[in-house]
Amino acid sequence: MRGITIRVGRIRRGLSQTELGKRIGLTQTEVSKLERGIFITSKGTSVKIRQIFREIDEDENSNDQRKT
């Protein structure tokens, strides 16, 4: 997963670097390095990030459906 993809996805979902880091087991500094391409993510970390983004998206879709 590319750094820019992580950054855009994180911001779009309203997460800080610290919040994302806590969810995937990294520090804010490590998330920052991931986003800048200095720190390479493992396959496991990429999977965790995708899962977190998917969960947030599903929650938002659920909330939108309840409003209508």
Protein backbone atom coordinates (compact mmCIF):
# COMPACT_ATOMS: atom_id res chain seq x y z
CA MET A 1 0.00 0.00 0.00
CA ARG A 2 1.51 3.31 -1.07
CA GLY A 3 2.04 6.14 1.39
CA ILE A 4 -0.15 8.63 -0.43
CA THR A 5 -2.97 6.08 -0.50
CA ILE A 6 -2.70 5.66 3.26
CA ARG A 7 -2.61 9.43 3.86
CA VAL A 8 -5.58 10.21 1.62
CA GLY A 9 -7.58 7.31 3.06
CA ARG A 10 -6.78 8.31 6.64
CA ILE A 11 -7.72 11.95 6.10
CA ARG A 12 -10.87 11.06 4.16
CA ARG A 13 -12.01 8.96 7.10
CA GLY A 14 -11.21 11.63 9.68
CA LEU A 15 -8.40 9.77 11.44
CA SER A 16 -5.29 11.37 12.86
CA GLN A 17 -1.94 9.65 12.43
CA THR A 18 -2.06 8.81 16.13
CA GLU A 19 -5.53 7.25 15.88
CA LEU A 20 -4.57 5.14 12.87
CA GLY A 21 -1.34 4.12 14.56
CA LYS A 22 -3.15 2.91 17.67
CA ARG A 23 -5.47 0.80 15.55
CA ILE A 24 -2.65 -0.87 13.63
CA GLY A 25 -0.02 -1.05 16.35
CA LEU A 26 2.31 1.69 15.14
CA THR A 27 3.39 5.01 16.61
CA GLN A 28 2.38 8.35 15.10
CA THR A 29 5.97 8.74 13.90
CA GLU A 30 5.85 5.39 12.10
CA VAL A 31 2.54 6.29 10.43
CA SER A 32 4.08 9.58 9.30
CA LYS A 33 7.05 7.71 7.84
CA LEU A 34 4.69 5.25 6.13
CA GLU A 35 2.83 8.12 4.50
CA ARG A 36 6.08 9.72 3.33
CA GLY A 37 7.42 6.45 1.96
CA ILE A 38 10.30 6.28 4.43
CA PHE A 39 8.91 3.29 6.31
CA ILE A 40 7.81 0.25 4.33
CA THR A 41 4.61 -1.41 5.45
CA SER A 42 4.41 -5.15 5.88
CA LYS A 43 1.69 -7.14 4.16
CA GLY A 44 0.02 -7.65 7.56
CA THR A 45 -0.03 -3.92 8.26
CA SER A 46 -1.49 -3.21 4.83
CA VAL A 47 -4.24 -5.73 5.49
CA LYS A 48 -4.99 -4.09 8.86
CA ILE A 49 -5.19 -0.64 7.29
CA ARG A 50 -7.55 -1.87 4.57
CA GLN A 51 -9.74 -3.57 7.19
CA ILE A 52 -9.92 -0.42 9.30
CA PHE A 53 -10.80 1.73 6.26
CA ARG A 54 -13.46 -0.81 5.21
CA GLU A 55 -14.98 -0.89 8.71
CA ILE A 56 -15.18 2.90 8.84
CA ASP A 57 -16.76 3.00 5.37
CA GLU A 58 -19.32 0.35 6.35
CA ASP A 59 -20.18 2.24 9.54
CA GLU A 60 -20.68 5.44 7.55
CA ASN A 61 -22.90 3.64 5.03
CA SER A 62 -24.95 2.16 7.89
CA ASN A 63 -25.39 5.59 9.44
CA ASP A 64 -26.40 7.08 6.09
CA GLN A 65 -29.01 4.36 5.55
CA ARG A 66 -30.52 4.95 9.01
CA LYS A 67 -30.96 8.65 8.22
CA THR A 68 -33.09 7.95 5.14
